[in-house]
Amino acid sequence: MRIADALCRSEAERTGIYFLVGPDPDHPARSRVYIGEGDNVSRRLRAHDSDAGKDFWQQACIVTSKDANLTKAHARYLEARLIERAHKAGRAEVENRNGGAPNALPDSDMADMEYFLEQIETVLPVVGIDALRSKSRMAEGEAPDRAGSNRSIPLQLKAPRHEVEAHAEENDGEFVVLRGSTASAFEGHTSNQYAETRATLIEQGILREDRPGGPLRVTQDTVFRSPSEAAAVLLNRNANGRTEWKLSGTGQTLKAWQEAQLSRD
């Protein structure tokens, strides 16, 4: 839904909280998020839309209550708690530098707001916002528990011509390329929609030259937003990650494996 249409809805004129999300201008591989609250969310978003200091955002999410019983005190409590959780999650650059301590609420109201927070955390990933999700153990450098788990899918990507041999895990909804994987150093491909992400990872030392004239090496487990983003960064060209990545040991493409899982349900 376009922002202009969303702000015309009656719900947007209620007290609530909102998320402004977009790519981080300083680190294109990461997202940036701003979390705010207002008596009239529509009015606040219109103000942000004309604020040159917050021109990073491309997506907005508004959260209000269906029965309009969310008060200003509730919204401020939620805002502080959400900023706190976003900083702790570490997935996105949080535009709010310091949300402050949550304001005091009666115990019953606080319990209601904590339950509301749980609902928000459940819904946000569905609309494409993962700023509150805790990082998986893979992203934090811990080994996944493969014993008896169907959540961790070991994958590989190979391009011998450019000395690419990469290993990844799709784990708890995250796509993580593992440390030690190699990436192509070839610069002759015509297009790569994730060239900016690749350049940022090189600048940060996450992709580093292995030897003169050789491939680049991934220096730490790295989370990507999709299999295609990971494949494009490693191959340095546009790539369909669902067909480039294959299950380790079987050669089955990720696409074929996913389709087989759907047919079993």
Protein backbone atom coordinates (compact mmCIF):
# COMPACT_ATOMS: atom_id res chain seq x y z
CA MET A 1 0.00 0.00 0.00
CA ARG A 2 1.30 3.47 -0.84
CA ILE A 3 2.04 5.70 2.15
CA ALA A 4 -0.43 8.35 0.98
CA ASP A 5 -3.23 5.79 0.91
CA ALA A 6 -2.26 4.34 4.29
CA LEU A 7 -2.32 7.77 5.94
CA CYS A 8 -5.85 8.37 4.72
CA ARG A 9 -7.14 5.43 6.76
CA SER A 10 -8.86 6.27 10.04
CA GLU A 11 -6.53 3.94 11.98
CA ALA A 12 -3.56 6.16 11.09
CA GLU A 13 -5.13 9.05 13.00
CA ARG A 14 -5.10 7.12 16.28
CA THR A 15 -2.44 7.04 18.98
CA GLY A 16 0.18 4.47 18.08
CA ILE A 17 3.74 3.66 17.21
CA TYR A 18 5.44 3.37 13.84
CA PHE A 19 8.57 2.04 12.16
CA LEU A 20 10.42 3.77 9.31
CA VAL A 21 12.68 1.30 7.51
CA GLY A 22 15.15 1.52 4.63
CA PRO A 23 18.73 0.69 3.64
CA ASP A 24 21.42 2.20 5.84
CA PRO A 25 23.16 4.85 3.66
CA ASP A 26 26.47 4.15 5.43
CA HIS A 27 26.25 0.33 5.22
CA PRO A 28 24.06 -0.83 2.29
CA ALA A 29 24.19 -4.44 3.49
CA ARG A 30 22.26 -3.41 6.62
CA SER A 31 18.90 -1.80 7.24
CA ARG A 32 18.21 1.36 9.18
CA VAL A 33 15.11 1.80 11.35
CA TYR A 34 13.51 4.67 13.19
CA ILE A 35 10.87 3.92 15.83
CA GLY A 36 8.46 6.63 16.93
CA GLU A 37 5.12 7.28 18.57
CA GLY A 38 2.41 9.88 18.31
CA ASP A 39 -1.10 10.89 19.33
CA ASN A 40 -1.88 11.06 15.63
CA VAL A 41 0.46 8.75 13.75
CA SER A 42 -0.62 10.10 10.37
CA ARG A 43 0.46 13.62 11.34
CA ARG A 44 3.85 12.35 12.58
CA LEU A 45 4.54 10.43 9.38
CA ARG A 46 3.64 13.39 7.21
CA ALA A 47 6.19 15.42 9.17
CA HIS A 48 8.85 12.75 8.69
CA ASP A 49 8.10 12.60 4.97
CA SER A 50 9.28 16.20 4.61
CA ASP A 51 12.24 15.80 6.99
CA ALA A 52 15.49 15.70 4.98
CA GLY A 53 17.24 14.24 8.01
CA LYS A 54 15.17 11.06 7.69
CA ASP A 55 15.21 10.49 3.96
CA PHE A 56 16.55 6.93 4.23
CA TRP A 57 13.23 5.20 4.75
CA GLN A 58 11.35 3.37 2.02
CA GLN A 59 8.81 1.47 4.13
CA ALA A 60 6.61 2.45 7.03
CA CYS A 61 4.68 0.26 9.44
CA ILE A 62 1.98 1.67 11.73
CA VAL A 63 0.80 -0.12 14.86
CA THR A 64 -2.39 0.98 16.65
CA SER A 65 -5.10 -0.81 18.62
CA LYS A 66 -8.32 -1.85 16.92
CA ASP A 67 -10.47 -0.45 19.72
CA ALA A 68 -8.55 2.84 20.03
CA ASN A 69 -7.71 2.34 23.71
CA LEU A 70 -3.97 2.92 23.34
CA THR A 71 -3.01 6.03 25.31
CA LYS A 72 -0.06 8.38 24.96
CA ALA A 73 1.54 6.78 28.03
CA HIS A 74 1.14 3.34 26.46
CA ALA A 75 2.68 4.53 23.19
CA ARG A 76 5.68 6.05 24.96
CA TYR A 77 6.23 2.85 26.91
CA LEU A 78 6.08 0.78 23.71
CA GLU A 79 8.40 3.15 21.88
CA ALA A 80 11.08 2.91 24.59
CA ARG A 81 10.81 -0.87 24.83
CA LEU A 82 10.94 -1.32 21.04
CA ILE A 83 14.00 0.90 20.70
CA GLU A 84 15.63 -1.08 23.49
CA ARG A 85 14.87 -4.38 21.73
CA ALA A 86 16.02 -3.12 18.33
CA HIS A 87 19.38 -2.06 19.78
CA LYS A 88 19.73 -5.41 21.52
CA ALA A 89 18.86 -7.40 18.37
CA GLY A 90 21.62 -5.64 16.43
CA ARG A 91 20.14 -6.43 13.04
CA ALA A 92 19.60 -2.87 11.88
CA GLU A 93 21.17 0.51 12.48
CA VAL A 94 18.74 2.17 14.90
CA GLU A 95 18.21 5.84 14.11
CA ASN A 96 17.03 6.45 17.68
CA ARG A 97 20.31 6.77 19.57
CA ASN A 98 18.70 6.55 23.00
CA GLY A 99 15.10 5.74 23.66
CA GLY A 100 15.36 6.34 27.39
CA ALA A 101 13.88 4.17 30.11
CA PRO A 102 10.26 3.07 29.67
CA ASN A 103 7.87 5.28 31.58
CA ALA A 104 6.19 3.81 34.64
CA LEU A 105 2.77 2.25 34.10
CA PRO A 106 0.37 0.48 36.47
CA ASP A 107 1.22 -3.20 36.69
CA SER A 108 -1.87 -4.27 34.76
CA ASP A 109 -1.16 -1.81 31.93
CA MET A 110 2.49 -2.88 31.81
CA ALA A 111 1.47 -6.52 31.46
CA ASP A 112 -0.89 -5.59 28.62
CA MET A 113 1.87 -3.65 26.82
CA GLU A 114 4.36 -6.49 27.20
CA TYR A 115 1.82 -8.81 25.59
CA PHE A 116 1.32 -6.20 22.86
CA LEU A 117 5.09 -6.21 22.30
CA GLU A 118 5.05 -9.96 21.77
CA GLN A 119 2.35 -9.56 19.13
CA ILE A 120 4.35 -6.84 17.37
CA GLU A 121 7.45 -9.04 17.31
CA THR A 122 5.40 -11.84 15.74
CA VAL A 123 3.85 -9.67 13.03
CA LEU A 124 6.81 -7.52 11.94
CA PRO A 125 8.76 -10.28 10.10
CA VAL A 126 5.61 -11.10 8.15
CA VAL A 127 5.64 -7.59 6.67
CA GLY A 128 9.37 -7.73 5.98
CA ILE A 129 10.76 -5.98 9.06
CA ASP A 130 13.23 -8.05 11.09
CA ALA A 131 14.78 -5.29 13.21
CA LEU A 132 13.54 -6.90 16.45
CA ARG A 133 14.47 -10.51 15.69
CA SER A 134 17.33 -11.89 17.74
CA LYS A 135 20.28 -13.02 15.67
CA SER A 136 20.51 -16.74 15.12
CA ARG A 137 23.33 -18.71 16.68
CA MET A 138 24.89 -18.98 13.23
CA ALA A 139 25.10 -15.19 12.92
CA GLU A 140 26.68 -14.98 16.36
CA GLY A 141 29.37 -17.50 15.41
CA GLU A 142 27.92 -20.47 17.29
CA ALA A 143 27.55 -23.84 15.68
CA PRO A 144 23.95 -24.89 14.99
CA ASP A 145 22.52 -27.94 16.68
CA ARG A 146 22.12 -30.24 13.69
CA ALA A 147 21.15 -33.29 15.71
CA GLY A 148 17.51 -33.99 15.04
CA SER A 149 16.92 -30.49 13.64
CA ASN A 150 15.22 -29.84 10.32
CA ARG A 151 15.73 -26.11 10.55
CA SER A 152 19.40 -26.06 9.48
CA ILE A 153 19.97 -26.74 5.77
CA PRO A 154 23.63 -27.15 4.67
CA LEU A 155 24.22 -25.69 1.20
CA GLN A 156 27.11 -25.23 -1.19
CA LEU A 157 27.85 -23.10 -4.24
CA LYS A 158 30.69 -23.87 -6.67
CA ALA A 159 32.11 -22.09 -9.70
CA PRO A 160 35.48 -23.78 -10.36
CA ARG A 161 36.43 -21.42 -13.18
CA HIS A 162 36.68 -18.55 -10.68
CA GLU A 163 37.73 -20.69 -7.70
CA VAL A 164 34.42 -20.18 -5.91
CA GLU A 165 33.60 -22.77 -3.28
CA ALA A 166 31.15 -21.50 -0.71
CA HIS A 167 29.21 -23.12 2.09
CA ALA A 168 26.09 -21.75 3.75
CA GLU A 169 23.33 -22.63 6.17
CA GLU A 170 19.69 -21.66 5.91
CA ASN A 171 18.81 -21.66 9.58
CA ASP A 172 15.72 -20.28 11.36
CA GLY A 173 14.83 -18.15 8.34
CA GLU A 174 18.34 -16.73 7.94
CA PHE A 175 20.79 -17.32 5.10
CA VAL A 176 24.33 -17.45 6.49
CA VAL A 177 27.45 -17.84 4.35
CA LEU A 178 30.13 -19.55 6.41
CA ARG A 179 33.60 -18.29 7.18
CA GLY A 180 36.24 -19.71 4.85
CA SER A 181 34.02 -19.70 1.77
CA THR A 182 35.61 -18.23 -1.35
CA ALA A 183 34.19 -15.61 -3.72
CA SER A 184 35.06 -14.70 -7.29
CA ALA A 185 37.53 -11.87 -7.86
CA PHE A 186 36.50 -11.64 -11.54
CA GLU A 187 35.25 -8.15 -12.44
CA GLY A 188 34.21 -8.74 -16.05
CA HIS A 189 30.51 -9.53 -15.58
CA THR A 190 28.14 -6.95 -17.02
CA SER A 191 25.82 -6.49 -14.06
CA ASN A 192 25.39 -7.28 -10.38
CA GLN A 193 22.44 -5.75 -8.58
CA TYR A 194 24.21 -6.40 -5.28
CA ALA A 195 27.50 -4.77 -6.30
CA GLU A 196 27.12 -2.14 -3.59
CA THR A 197 26.67 -4.80 -0.91
CA ARG A 198 29.75 -6.62 -2.19
CA ALA A 199 31.80 -3.41 -2.16
CA THR A 200 30.75 -2.73 1.44
CA LEU A 201 31.77 -6.23 2.55
CA ILE A 202 35.16 -5.77 0.89
CA GLU A 203 35.58 -2.39 2.59
CA GLN A 204 34.73 -3.95 5.95
CA GLY A 205 37.23 -6.78 5.43
CA ILE A 206 34.51 -9.44 5.44
CA LEU A 207 35.53 -10.27 1.86
CA ARG A 208 39.31 -10.21 1.61
CA GLU A 209 41.82 -11.13 -1.10
CA ASP A 210 43.11 -14.63 -0.42
CA ARG A 211 46.21 -14.26 -2.58
CA PRO A 212 47.24 -12.04 -5.51
CA GLY A 213 45.18 -13.05 -8.52
CA GLY A 214 43.18 -15.54 -6.48
CA PRO A 215 39.64 -15.53 -5.07
CA LEU A 216 38.32 -13.51 -2.16
CA ARG A 217 37.74 -15.24 1.15
CA VAL A 218 34.83 -14.78 3.57
CA THR A 219 36.45 -13.94 6.92
CA GLN A 220 33.41 -14.43 9.17
CA ASP A 221 29.98 -16.04 9.11
CA THR A 222 27.85 -13.48 7.27
CA VAL A 223 24.06 -13.11 7.15
CA PHE A 224 22.46 -12.24 3.81
CA ARG A 225 18.89 -11.21 3.16
CA SER A 226 18.33 -13.94 0.57
CA PRO A 227 20.08 -16.82 -1.23
CA SER A 228 20.19 -14.65 -4.38
CA GLU A 229 21.94 -11.79 -2.59
CA ALA A 230 24.54 -14.22 -1.23
CA ALA A 231 25.10 -15.87 -4.63
CA ALA A 232 25.38 -12.52 -6.44
CA VAL A 233 27.93 -11.21 -3.94
CA LEU A 234 30.04 -14.37 -4.16
CA LEU A 235 29.86 -14.74 -7.96
CA ASN A 236 29.96 -10.98 -8.61
CA ARG A 237 27.08 -11.17 -11.06
CA ASN A 238 23.33 -11.39 -11.02
CA ALA A 239 22.30 -14.83 -9.84
CA ASN A 240 19.22 -16.86 -8.93
CA GLY A 241 20.18 -18.15 -5.51
CA ARG A 242 17.52 -20.85 -5.51
CA THR A 243 19.23 -22.60 -8.43
CA GLU A 244 22.86 -21.63 -7.71
CA TRP A 245 22.84 -23.05 -4.17
CA LYS A 246 22.67 -26.84 -3.85
CA LEU A 247 22.21 -29.11 -0.87
CA SER A 248 25.57 -30.36 0.32
CA GLY A 249 26.12 -34.00 -0.56
CA THR A 250 23.12 -34.38 -2.89
CA GLY A 251 23.48 -31.76 -5.62
CA GLN A 252 19.77 -30.96 -5.35
CA THR A 253 19.07 -27.28 -5.93
CA LEU A 254 17.58 -25.23 -3.13
CA LYS A 255 14.60 -24.55 -5.40
CA ALA A 256 13.95 -28.27 -5.94
CA TRP A 257 14.32 -28.98 -2.23
CA GLN A 258 11.86 -26.21 -1.29
CA GLU A 259 9.33 -27.43 -3.85
CA ALA A 260 9.64 -30.97 -2.50
CA GLN A 261 8.93 -29.71 1.02
CA LEU A 262 5.80 -27.91 -0.19
CA SER A 263 4.51 -31.01 -1.95
CA ARG A 264 4.89 -32.99 1.29
CA ASP A 265 2.74 -30.55 3.32
